[in-house]
Protein backbone atom coordinates (compact mmCIF):
# COMPACT_ATOMS: atom_id res chain seq x y z
CA MET A 1 77.42 97.62 145.27
CA ALA A 2 76.93 100.46 143.50
CA VAL A 3 74.07 100.59 140.69
CA PRO A 4 75.37 100.69 137.30
CA VAL A 5 74.13 104.23 135.82
CA GLN A 6 72.46 103.36 132.36
CA PRO A 7 73.54 104.96 129.40
CA PRO A 8 70.90 107.41 127.77
CA PRO A 9 68.82 106.01 125.10
CA ALA A 10 69.89 106.12 121.08
CA VAL A 11 69.01 109.09 119.24
CA THR A 12 68.37 108.29 115.52
CA VAL A 13 68.72 111.22 112.89
CA ALA A 14 66.80 110.49 109.74
CA ASP A 15 69.55 109.47 107.01
CA ASP A 16 68.03 111.25 104.74
CA PRO A 17 70.42 112.14 102.00
CA ALA A 18 68.34 115.01 100.73
CA HIS A 19 67.99 117.02 104.07
CA ARG A 20 71.32 116.28 104.92
CA LEU A 21 73.60 119.31 105.62
CA ASP A 22 77.24 119.63 104.78
CA ARG A 23 78.22 120.77 108.79
CA GLN A 24 75.40 118.88 111.18
CA ASP A 25 77.80 116.74 112.96
CA GLU A 26 79.41 119.71 113.79
CA ILE A 27 75.70 119.62 115.75
CA LEU A 28 75.09 115.99 116.20
CA THR A 29 78.18 115.24 117.87
CA ASP A 30 78.01 111.64 119.56
CA ALA A 31 78.04 113.89 123.22
CA ALA A 32 75.32 116.06 122.07
CA LEU A 33 72.83 113.24 120.76
CA ALA A 34 73.54 111.55 123.97
CA PHE A 35 72.27 114.90 125.84
CA LEU A 36 69.02 115.20 124.40
CA GLY A 37 68.67 111.30 124.97
CA ALA A 38 68.85 112.42 128.58
CA LEU A 39 66.44 114.99 127.93
CA HIS A 40 63.82 113.11 126.19
CA GLU A 41 64.15 110.00 128.71
CA ARG A 42 63.19 112.35 131.57
CA PHE A 43 61.13 115.06 130.29
CA THR A 44 58.95 114.06 127.02
CA PRO A 45 56.42 111.81 129.46
CA ARG A 46 55.67 114.81 131.46
CA ARG A 47 55.48 116.58 128.26
CA ASP A 48 52.95 114.60 127.54
CA ALA A 49 51.29 114.67 130.13
CA LEU A 50 50.45 118.78 130.15
CA LEU A 51 49.60 118.32 126.88
CA ALA A 52 46.60 116.57 128.11
CA ARG A 53 46.50 118.57 130.86
CA ARG A 54 45.85 121.38 128.21
CA ALA A 55 43.19 119.94 126.69
CA GLU A 56 41.20 119.28 130.32
CA ARG A 57 41.79 122.81 131.14
CA ARG A 58 39.81 123.09 127.81
CA ALA A 59 37.40 121.33 128.31
CA GLU A 60 36.39 123.07 131.49
CA ILE A 61 36.27 126.24 130.59
CA ALA A 62 34.16 125.60 127.57
CA ARG A 63 32.43 123.95 130.70
CA THR A 64 31.89 126.93 132.67
CA GLY A 65 32.46 129.36 130.17
CA THR A 66 34.88 131.57 132.36
CA LEU A 67 38.38 131.35 134.14
CA ASP A 68 39.80 132.71 137.21
CA PHE A 69 43.11 132.89 139.47
CA LEU A 70 43.86 129.77 140.63
CA PRO A 71 42.30 129.49 144.52
CA GLU A 72 44.90 126.56 145.04
CA THR A 73 47.90 128.94 144.65
CA ALA A 74 46.73 131.57 146.48
CA ALA A 75 49.50 131.42 149.22
CA ILE A 76 51.95 131.96 146.27
CA ARG A 77 50.15 135.14 145.16
CA ALA A 78 50.70 136.54 148.85
CA GLY A 79 53.67 135.32 149.90
CA ASP A 80 57.00 137.94 149.95
CA TRP A 81 59.48 136.35 147.44
CA GLN A 82 61.58 137.63 144.54
CA VAL A 83 62.95 136.02 141.37
CA ALA A 84 66.95 136.01 141.51
CA PRO A 85 68.31 139.36 140.37
CA ALA A 86 69.03 139.49 136.89
CA PRO A 87 72.59 138.63 135.42
CA ALA A 88 74.73 142.01 133.85
CA ALA A 89 73.81 141.12 130.48
CA LEU A 90 70.15 141.11 130.87
CA GLN A 91 70.15 144.02 133.36
CA ASP A 92 68.89 146.63 130.18
CA ARG A 93 66.98 145.36 128.13
CA ARG A 94 65.24 148.60 126.66
CA VAL A 95 65.30 147.39 122.99
CA GLU A 96 64.94 144.04 121.66
CA ILE A 97 64.62 143.18 118.12
CA THR A 98 63.24 139.33 116.96
CA GLY A 99 63.68 137.64 114.61
CA PRO A 100 65.27 134.17 112.87
CA THR A 101 68.51 132.36 113.03
CA ASP A 102 68.77 132.24 109.26
CA ARG A 103 73.23 133.45 109.14
CA LYS A 104 72.48 137.03 107.61
CA MET A 105 69.86 138.17 110.22
CA THR A 106 71.84 136.77 112.41
CA VAL A 107 74.64 139.29 111.85
CA ASN A 108 71.97 142.08 111.37
CA ALA A 109 70.64 141.34 114.82
CA LEU A 110 73.71 141.14 116.74
CA ASN A 111 74.67 144.71 114.76
CA SER A 112 71.46 145.93 115.26
CA GLY A 113 71.81 148.53 118.32
CA ALA A 114 69.21 146.58 120.27
CA ARG A 115 70.38 145.46 123.84
CA VAL A 116 68.40 141.73 122.82
CA TRP A 117 68.35 139.43 119.75
CA LEU A 118 65.42 137.27 120.56
CA ALA A 119 67.39 134.34 118.48
CA ASP A 120 63.85 132.42 117.38
CA PHE A 121 63.46 128.59 116.35
CA GLU A 122 59.57 128.89 116.99
CA ASP A 123 56.91 132.09 115.51
CA ALA A 124 59.61 133.17 113.25
CA SER A 125 61.51 130.31 112.00
CA ALA A 126 59.32 127.16 109.92
CA PRO A 127 61.48 124.25 111.13
CA THR A 128 62.83 122.71 108.12
CA TRP A 129 65.94 120.55 109.03
CA GLU A 130 67.85 123.36 107.27
CA ASN A 131 66.61 125.95 109.63
CA VAL A 132 66.70 123.98 112.84
CA ILE A 133 70.90 122.83 112.36
CA GLY A 134 71.42 125.89 110.44
CA GLY A 135 70.31 128.06 113.30
CA GLN A 136 72.65 126.27 115.60
CA LEU A 137 75.11 126.58 113.73
CA ASN A 138 74.75 130.02 113.06
CA LEU A 139 74.88 131.05 116.47
CA ARG A 140 77.60 129.05 117.49
CA ASP A 141 79.97 130.64 114.67
CA ALA A 142 78.10 133.77 115.87
CA PHE A 143 80.16 133.38 119.66
CA ALA A 144 83.39 132.09 118.18
CA ARG A 145 83.19 134.94 115.52
CA ARG A 146 83.43 133.45 112.82
CA ILE A 147 80.38 134.37 111.10
CA ASP A 148 80.02 136.74 108.01
CA PHE A 149 77.50 137.06 105.16
CA THR A 150 77.73 138.55 101.49
CA GLY A 151 74.17 139.40 99.88
CA PRO A 152 73.59 138.87 96.04
CA GLY A 153 74.45 142.21 95.27
CA GLY A 154 77.71 141.82 97.23
CA LYS A 155 77.15 143.62 100.12
CA THR A 156 79.67 142.01 103.07
CA TYR A 157 78.10 141.86 106.79
CA ALA A 158 80.34 141.63 109.76
CA LEU A 159 80.32 141.39 113.30
CA ARG A 160 81.02 144.55 115.04
CA PRO A 161 83.24 144.41 118.33
CA ASP A 162 81.92 142.36 120.84
CA ALA A 163 80.81 144.69 123.25
CA GLU A 164 77.86 146.52 120.80
CA LEU A 165 76.37 143.02 120.10
CA ALA A 166 73.33 142.44 121.39
CA THR A 167 72.92 139.65 124.08
CA VAL A 168 71.00 136.74 122.67
CA VAL A 169 68.20 135.27 123.95
CA VAL A 170 67.26 132.03 122.52
CA ARG A 171 63.21 130.88 121.50
CA PRO A 172 62.85 127.38 121.50
CA ARG A 173 59.63 126.16 119.91
CA GLY A 174 56.65 125.43 122.33
CA TRP A 175 56.16 122.48 124.14
CA HIS A 176 53.29 121.05 121.62
CA LEU A 177 55.78 120.71 118.66
CA ASP A 178 57.95 117.30 117.72
CA GLU A 179 61.47 117.61 116.32
CA ARG A 180 60.93 114.48 113.10
CA HIS A 181 64.47 114.27 112.41
CA LEU A 182 65.30 112.53 116.01
CA ARG A 183 63.62 109.96 117.61
CA VAL A 184 64.25 107.55 119.98
CA GLY A 185 62.87 104.14 118.75
CA GLU A 186 59.23 105.32 117.18
CA ARG A 187 59.60 107.92 119.25
CA ALA A 188 59.88 112.24 117.73
CA ILE A 189 61.69 114.03 120.20
CA PRO A 190 59.73 117.18 121.41
CA GLY A 191 61.60 119.88 119.29
CA ALA A 192 61.58 122.18 122.59
CA LEU A 193 63.75 120.02 124.31
CA VAL A 194 65.97 119.64 120.48
CA ASP A 195 66.35 123.26 120.22
CA PHE A 196 67.12 124.32 124.08
CA GLY A 197 69.53 121.18 124.00
CA LEU A 198 71.64 121.80 121.20
CA TYR A 199 72.32 125.33 121.83
CA PHE A 200 72.90 124.92 126.05
CA PHE A 201 75.06 121.64 125.24
CA HIS A 202 77.07 123.67 122.68
CA ASN A 203 77.16 127.28 124.15
CA ALA A 204 76.76 127.21 127.80
CA ARG A 205 79.37 127.12 129.40
CA HIS A 206 81.09 129.39 126.54
CA LEU A 207 78.98 131.34 127.40
CA ALA A 208 78.77 131.37 131.04
CA GLU A 209 82.49 131.87 131.15
CA ARG A 210 82.07 135.34 129.09
CA GLY A 211 79.25 136.55 131.76
CA ARG A 212 76.56 135.84 128.98
CA GLY A 213 74.86 133.44 129.66
CA PRO A 214 72.69 130.68 128.44
CA TYR A 215 69.39 132.83 128.34
CA PHE A 216 65.96 131.96 126.69
CA TYR A 217 62.67 132.96 125.89
CA LEU A 218 59.87 130.22 126.57
CA PRO A 219 56.95 130.39 123.94
CA LYS A 220 53.20 129.09 124.37
CA THR A 221 53.44 128.27 128.19
CA GLU A 222 50.00 127.53 129.42
CA SER A 223 50.14 127.08 133.04
CA HIS A 224 52.71 127.08 136.08
CA HIS A 225 52.97 123.58 135.89
CA GLU A 226 54.87 124.06 132.20
CA ALA A 227 56.69 126.56 133.75
CA ARG A 228 57.75 124.11 136.80
CA LEU A 229 58.82 121.48 134.22
CA TRP A 230 61.07 123.87 132.61
CA ASN A 231 62.60 124.64 135.85
CA GLU A 232 63.34 120.92 136.04
CA VAL A 233 64.95 121.13 132.39
CA PHE A 234 67.09 123.86 133.33
CA VAL A 235 68.35 122.15 137.09
CA PHE A 236 69.11 119.00 134.91
CA ALA A 237 70.99 120.81 132.03
CA GLN A 238 73.01 122.80 134.50
CA GLU A 239 73.94 119.79 137.00
CA HIS A 240 74.90 117.89 133.56
CA LEU A 241 77.21 120.06 132.25
CA GLY A 242 78.80 120.82 135.82
CA LEU A 243 77.27 124.94 135.77
CA ALA A 244 75.74 126.74 138.90
CA ARG A 245 72.09 126.19 139.35
CA GLY A 246 70.73 129.99 138.34
CA THR A 247 73.09 130.00 135.20
CA VAL A 248 70.33 129.86 133.01
CA ARG A 249 67.95 132.33 133.05
CA ALA A 250 64.31 132.60 131.35
CA THR A 251 61.34 135.11 130.08
CA VAL A 252 58.60 133.77 130.02
CA LEU A 253 56.08 134.65 126.69
CA ILE A 254 52.61 135.09 128.87
CA GLU A 255 50.74 134.99 125.31
CA THR A 256 48.03 132.06 126.09
CA ILE A 257 44.88 133.87 128.25
CA THR A 258 45.18 130.51 130.77
CA ALA A 259 48.66 131.91 131.83
CA ALA A 260 47.93 135.57 132.57
CA PHE A 261 45.91 133.83 135.13
CA GLU A 262 49.22 132.49 136.52
CA MET A 263 52.03 135.23 136.06
CA GLU A 264 53.19 135.18 139.41
CA GLU A 265 52.72 131.34 139.73
CA ILE A 266 54.56 131.04 136.78
CA LEU A 267 57.68 133.25 138.23
CA TYR A 268 57.20 131.65 141.38
CA GLU A 269 58.10 128.15 139.68
CA LEU A 270 60.53 129.39 137.76
CA ARG A 271 62.37 131.84 140.19
CA GLU A 272 66.23 131.06 140.28
CA HIS A 273 66.25 130.97 136.68
CA ALA A 274 63.33 133.80 135.78
CA ALA A 275 64.27 137.04 134.21
CA GLY A 276 60.66 138.55 133.53
CA LEU A 277 57.49 138.19 131.40
CA ASN A 278 56.92 139.46 127.93
CA ALA A 279 53.63 140.76 127.14
CA GLY A 280 52.30 139.02 123.28
CA ARG A 281 49.47 140.02 121.01
CA TRP A 282 48.27 137.89 118.37
CA ASP A 283 49.16 134.49 120.28
CA TYR A 284 47.25 136.09 122.96
CA LEU A 285 43.82 136.82 121.05
CA PHE A 286 44.60 133.11 119.06
CA SER A 287 44.54 131.68 122.69
CA ILE A 288 41.30 133.73 123.67
CA VAL A 289 39.63 132.15 120.46
CA LYS A 290 40.70 128.88 120.89
CA ASN A 291 39.87 128.88 124.80
CA PHE A 292 36.66 130.70 124.20
CA ARG A 293 35.64 129.66 121.22
CA ASP A 294 32.58 127.56 122.69
CA GLY A 295 31.73 131.39 124.27
CA GLY A 296 29.21 132.90 121.77
CA ALA A 297 29.13 136.79 120.40
CA ARG A 298 30.74 137.68 124.39
CA PHE A 299 34.00 136.41 122.65
CA VAL A 300 33.81 137.14 119.23
CA LEU A 301 36.68 139.10 117.99
CA PRO A 302 36.39 142.09 115.72
CA ASP A 303 39.50 142.87 112.90
CA ARG A 304 42.75 141.43 114.42
CA ASN A 305 44.14 145.60 113.29
CA ALA A 306 41.23 146.96 115.41
CA ILE A 307 42.15 145.14 118.12
CA THR A 308 45.06 147.34 120.08
CA MET A 309 47.29 147.07 123.56
CA THR A 310 44.93 149.68 125.00
CA ALA A 311 41.59 147.77 124.13
CA PRO A 312 40.05 147.70 127.49
CA PHE A 313 40.80 143.33 128.34
CA MET A 314 44.30 144.20 126.40
CA ARG A 315 45.08 147.17 128.94
CA ALA A 316 44.15 144.54 132.26
CA TYR A 317 46.86 142.11 130.63
CA THR A 318 49.34 144.22 130.45
CA GLU A 319 49.11 146.19 133.25
CA LEU A 320 49.15 143.36 135.44
CA LEU A 321 52.37 141.67 133.96
CA VAL A 322 53.87 145.32 134.77
CA ARG A 323 52.27 144.93 138.39
CA THR A 324 53.52 141.67 138.50
CA CYS A 325 57.16 141.79 137.51
CA HIS A 326 57.91 144.61 139.15
CA LYS A 327 56.25 143.19 142.30
CA ARG A 328 58.72 140.03 142.22
CA GLY A 329 62.04 142.17 141.08
CA ALA A 330 61.24 141.00 137.40
CA HIS A 331 61.81 142.63 133.96
CA ALA A 332 58.31 143.51 132.18
CA ILE A 333 58.95 143.48 128.68
CA GLY A 334 56.54 144.81 126.39
CA GLY A 335 55.17 144.03 122.77
CA MET A 336 56.18 143.54 119.07
CA ALA A 337 56.77 147.02 116.69
CA ALA A 338 56.13 144.88 113.34
CA PHE A 339 55.98 147.70 110.81
CA ILE A 340 58.31 146.90 107.91
CA PRO A 341 60.34 150.27 106.81
CA SER A 342 59.47 151.34 102.61
CA ARG A 343 62.37 152.46 100.81
CA ARG A 344 60.33 153.84 98.36
CA ASP A 345 57.65 155.86 100.16
CA ALA A 346 58.91 158.06 102.91
CA GLU A 347 55.09 159.36 103.85
CA ALA A 348 54.25 155.82 104.63
CA ASN A 349 56.99 155.77 106.84
CA ALA A 350 56.62 159.05 108.97
CA VAL A 351 52.87 157.77 109.52
CA ALA A 352 54.23 154.16 110.84
CA PHE A 353 56.87 155.52 112.67
CA GLU A 354 55.10 157.48 114.57
CA LYS A 355 52.71 154.98 115.42
CA VAL A 356 55.36 152.53 117.01
CA ARG A 357 56.89 156.14 118.82
CA ALA A 358 53.39 156.41 120.47
CA ASP A 359 53.50 152.88 121.21
CA LYS A 360 56.30 152.70 122.67
CA ASP A 361 55.96 155.78 124.78
CA ARG A 362 53.11 154.26 126.13
CA GLU A 363 54.80 151.39 126.95
CA ALA A 364 57.41 152.95 128.71
CA ARG A 365 55.36 155.32 130.84
CA ASP A 366 53.17 152.31 131.99
CA GLY A 367 56.44 151.03 133.46
CA TYR A 368 58.09 148.33 130.97
CA ASP A 369 61.58 147.99 131.12
CA GLY A 370 61.89 147.35 127.70
CA SER A 371 60.00 146.33 124.22
CA TRP A 372 60.42 144.37 121.05
CA VAL A 373 60.69 145.85 117.60
CA ALA A 374 61.12 143.36 113.86
CA HIS A 375 63.18 145.36 111.94
CA PRO A 376 66.69 147.67 113.02
CA ASP A 377 65.07 150.83 111.55
CA LEU A 378 62.79 151.02 114.49
CA VAL A 379 65.46 150.31 117.23
CA PRO A 380 66.07 154.11 117.17
CA ILE A 381 62.81 155.20 117.58
CA ALA A 382 62.12 152.43 120.54
CA MET A 383 65.26 152.93 122.08
CA ALA A 384 64.48 156.89 122.30
CA SER A 385 61.23 156.08 123.89
CA PHE A 386 62.87 154.17 126.85
CA ASP A 387 65.34 156.80 126.60
CA ARG A 388 63.03 159.64 127.87
CA VAL A 389 61.88 157.55 130.54
CA LEU A 390 64.87 155.43 131.83
CA GLY A 391 67.58 158.19 131.67
CA THR A 392 70.72 156.22 132.55
CA ARG A 393 69.06 153.86 134.30
CA PRO A 394 68.86 149.99 133.55
CA HIS A 395 65.30 149.57 134.07
CA GLN A 396 61.97 150.99 135.96
CA LYS A 397 61.71 148.29 138.49
CA ASP A 398 61.76 150.42 141.28
CA ARG A 399 57.65 151.68 139.67
CA LEU A 400 55.39 148.68 141.26
CA ARG A 401 52.58 149.70 139.95
CA GLU A 402 50.29 149.59 143.20
CA ASP A 403 47.62 151.66 141.14
CA VAL A 404 47.14 148.65 139.53
CA ALA A 405 44.10 146.07 140.49
CA VAL A 406 42.97 143.95 138.04
CA ARG A 407 40.34 140.93 138.62
CA ALA A 408 39.17 138.38 136.65
CA ALA A 409 36.41 140.18 134.26
CA ASP A 410 38.40 142.83 133.18
CA LEU A 411 41.01 139.88 131.25
CA LEU A 412 37.79 138.48 129.85
CA ALA A 413 36.02 142.07 128.86
CA VAL A 414 36.36 141.00 125.03
CA ASP A 415 32.80 142.33 124.82
CA SER A 416 33.82 145.76 125.80
CA LEU A 417 35.20 146.58 122.45
CA GLU A 418 32.70 148.61 120.12
CA ALA A 419 34.62 147.29 116.70
CA ARG A 420 32.88 144.45 114.88
CA PRO A 421 34.38 142.11 112.26
CA THR A 422 34.23 143.58 108.69
CA ARG A 423 34.32 142.38 104.80
CA ALA A 424 38.02 144.32 104.95
CA GLY A 425 38.91 142.57 108.14
CA LEU A 426 37.49 138.78 106.64
CA VAL A 427 39.20 139.35 103.26
CA ASN A 428 42.43 140.30 105.18
CA ALA A 429 42.72 137.49 107.37
CA VAL A 430 42.25 135.48 104.04
CA GLN A 431 45.18 137.36 102.10
CA VAL A 432 47.79 137.04 104.87
CA GLY A 433 47.04 133.44 105.83
CA ILE A 434 47.26 132.06 102.66
CA ARG A 435 50.25 134.61 101.92
CA TYR A 436 52.30 133.28 105.63
CA ILE A 437 51.69 129.92 105.43
CA GLU A 438 52.90 129.82 101.20
CA ALA A 439 56.24 131.17 102.34
CA TRP A 440 56.22 129.09 105.71
CA LEU A 441 55.87 125.73 103.56
CA ARG A 442 59.04 127.07 101.60
CA GLY A 443 60.63 127.70 105.12
CA LEU A 444 60.19 131.19 106.01
CA GLY A 445 59.24 131.69 109.00
CA ALA A 446 59.16 135.73 109.04
CA VAL A 447 57.51 137.10 106.35
CA ALA A 448 57.01 140.66 105.36
CA ILE A 449 53.50 140.72 104.08
CA PHE A 450 51.50 144.65 103.52
CA ASN A 451 54.58 146.30 105.35
CA LEU A 452 54.25 144.11 108.62
CA MET A 453 56.59 141.16 109.96
CA GLU A 454 54.20 138.77 110.59
CA ASP A 455 54.99 135.15 112.03
CA ALA A 456 53.33 132.25 112.62
CA ALA A 457 51.43 134.08 115.33
CA THR A 458 49.71 135.78 112.59
CA ALA A 459 48.48 132.59 110.52
CA GLU A 460 47.22 131.36 113.73
CA ILE A 461 45.05 135.04 114.78
CA SER A 462 43.80 134.91 111.09
CA ARG A 463 42.45 131.37 110.76
CA SER A 464 41.30 131.45 113.92
CA GLN A 465 39.16 134.39 113.36
CA LEU A 466 37.50 132.82 110.55
CA TRP A 467 36.52 129.69 112.09
CA GLN A 468 35.28 132.08 115.25
CA TRP A 469 33.06 134.36 112.72
CA ILE A 470 31.99 131.56 110.64
CA ASN A 471 30.77 129.52 114.18
CA ALA A 472 29.43 132.44 115.82
CA GLY A 473 27.11 133.18 113.44
CA VAL A 474 28.53 136.53 112.71
CA VAL A 475 27.18 139.26 110.36
CA LEU A 476 29.33 141.91 108.48
CA GLU A 477 28.91 145.59 108.28
CA ASP A 478 26.80 145.18 104.56
CA GLY A 479 24.08 142.24 106.06
CA VAL A 480 26.27 139.30 104.72
CA PRO A 481 26.70 136.30 107.34
CA VAL A 482 30.29 134.73 107.62
CA THR A 483 29.63 131.39 106.26
CA ALA A 484 31.95 128.59 104.94
CA ALA A 485 31.36 129.43 101.44
CA LEU A 486 31.57 133.20 101.85
CA VAL A 487 35.26 132.47 103.23
CA ARG A 488 36.21 129.89 100.05
CA SER A 489 34.85 132.33 97.98
CA VAL A 490 37.03 135.22 99.36
CA ALA A 491 40.16 132.66 99.16
CA ALA A 492 39.39 131.59 95.23
CA ASP A 493 39.55 135.27 94.38
CA GLU A 494 42.78 135.87 96.30
CA LEU A 495 44.24 133.01 95.14
CA ALA A 496 43.59 133.77 91.05
CA ALA A 497 44.70 137.31 92.44
CA ILE A 498 48.45 136.04 93.30
CA ARG A 499 48.03 133.98 90.77
CA ALA A 500 47.89 136.90 88.33
CA GLU A 501 50.37 138.99 89.83
CA ALA A 502 52.97 136.25 90.10
CA GLY A 503 53.01 135.03 86.62
CA GLU A 504 51.92 131.43 85.95
CA ALA A 505 55.46 130.20 86.26
CA ALA A 506 55.79 131.63 90.03
CA PHE A 507 52.88 130.65 90.53
CA ALA A 508 53.30 127.08 89.73
CA ALA A 509 56.74 127.17 91.60
CA GLY A 510 55.22 128.44 95.04
CA ALA A 511 53.40 126.25 97.55
CA TRP A 512 50.11 128.27 97.22
CA GLN A 513 47.48 126.06 96.05
CA ARG A 514 48.85 123.90 99.44
CA ALA A 515 48.60 127.05 101.46
CA HIS A 516 44.95 127.77 100.49
CA ASP A 517 44.09 124.50 100.82
CA LEU A 518 45.66 124.17 104.35
CA LEU A 519 44.15 127.59 105.32
CA LEU A 520 40.52 126.47 104.70
CA ARG A 521 40.78 123.13 106.26
CA VAL A 522 42.06 125.06 109.60
CA ALA A 523 39.20 127.51 109.12
CA LEU A 524 36.64 125.47 107.69
CA ASP A 525 36.67 122.13 109.84
CA ALA A 526 34.11 121.24 112.43
CA ASP A 527 36.66 120.31 115.22
CA TYR A 528 39.20 123.43 115.68
CA THR A 529 42.60 122.46 115.25
CA ASP A 530 44.94 123.44 118.12
CA PHE A 531 47.65 124.86 116.28
CA LEU A 532 48.12 125.38 112.73
CA THR A 533 51.72 124.44 112.79
CA LEU A 534 50.77 120.83 113.44
CA PRO A 535 49.24 120.07 109.92
CA ALA A 536 51.38 122.07 108.27
CA TYR A 537 54.59 120.26 109.50
CA GLU A 538 53.31 117.63 107.87
CA LEU A 539 53.46 119.51 104.36
CA LEU A 540 57.21 120.73 104.95
CA ASP A 541 59.72 119.23 103.02
């Protein structure tokens, strides 16, 4: 007798008229919710166990004060294997633009001339209900070519012909975040499964039929066990919709120090779905602080803007990433050019453009197959850097970089930096932290601050450095120790400056006081908060 198939658990949608969107029923269909229920039932327990494993590993790092390549996976690193060949739509990734999935960005990113658009539900998107569901609607509308946008000044934005559009690669939220508006019983569904599940359910078959499959960027990965879980999610989802295994392709952001020691293992776990690895910056530094916060002076980072990708420990990480990817047939994607061009300051633009050009030239020479930009005006600059090296070739995976030999100590050599924390760096961390968090609490995840496009990783490294400098007893160049009182004083001055700059009415209409208070909470609490976005989410309308 056949065993009856149990229906997936019922998913309930928060029925709050204040947050209900006009078109949300187009995304939250019964079938889509059933798919989310099936994902939740099958994978959330494993997600929970892996989050607990993160805490255990952090405790082990605190106990030993170090990290190393895993002895138990040595056979994988020594093995002769390759990831699946890249699909045609992901062969050439020489420039990728990143940004949230609001309607204007959707049109502009697809039209930007970049080969790929990282459509972001993670660090560049505050997870309001409007952003979560609106982003899904915008992507679905774009694929159906029924999207346009008219700005406040009357300018209209519309899609170019399909052949000129960037390939969409969606970044869901990290494993640690939940989506409180969608629940099974009393339990919120992980945001990663919501973002992945809704996008996959509504678009995977349509994309696969048109030669541009469901492609993903996987953020905040900390181990190959987490990559294994994603692989199992992909297998289940493809079987559920009757798609061939390997239709999904994933690029993993190596933006945690623990993942840097498991690059080959991460590719191995995802090998039939792997498209490549990406080298981050702010999240990577944030991860170093988080994991080695008990490590004393050896792991104290200087001002964030003093840490470039050419710092010895960052150079080791980025070169190892190229070596690992090309050894296994995967794309190596470089870091972000975050500069926002000014329409009023041509001289500042020229200086910044030269820095972007030098950075992208270095990545192309090092063997990267592509890189990120945050603004359409930077696409031609990055494109020229990679065109000079690649020519008409789609990538340079034939450059195996066998000259690269990175030891564990090289990845951990934070103390090789000569730069030290400064008062200007402390002030900048407070300024950027308050300004970014305030915008995030209003639903904006990608924010232009001091001519740079900042996202949640910016706030994470800013508050983490404040916490680290206080707890490590850092003394600034003027002889003043970094204390909680000093940070409070600088934050109070910044809040007063913002009030004077904005005016009383605009200040009151913003979330400035809440942003100030949250920054101080996560920078000054004795117990380090793993992710700023966890307490911030509780304050989000």
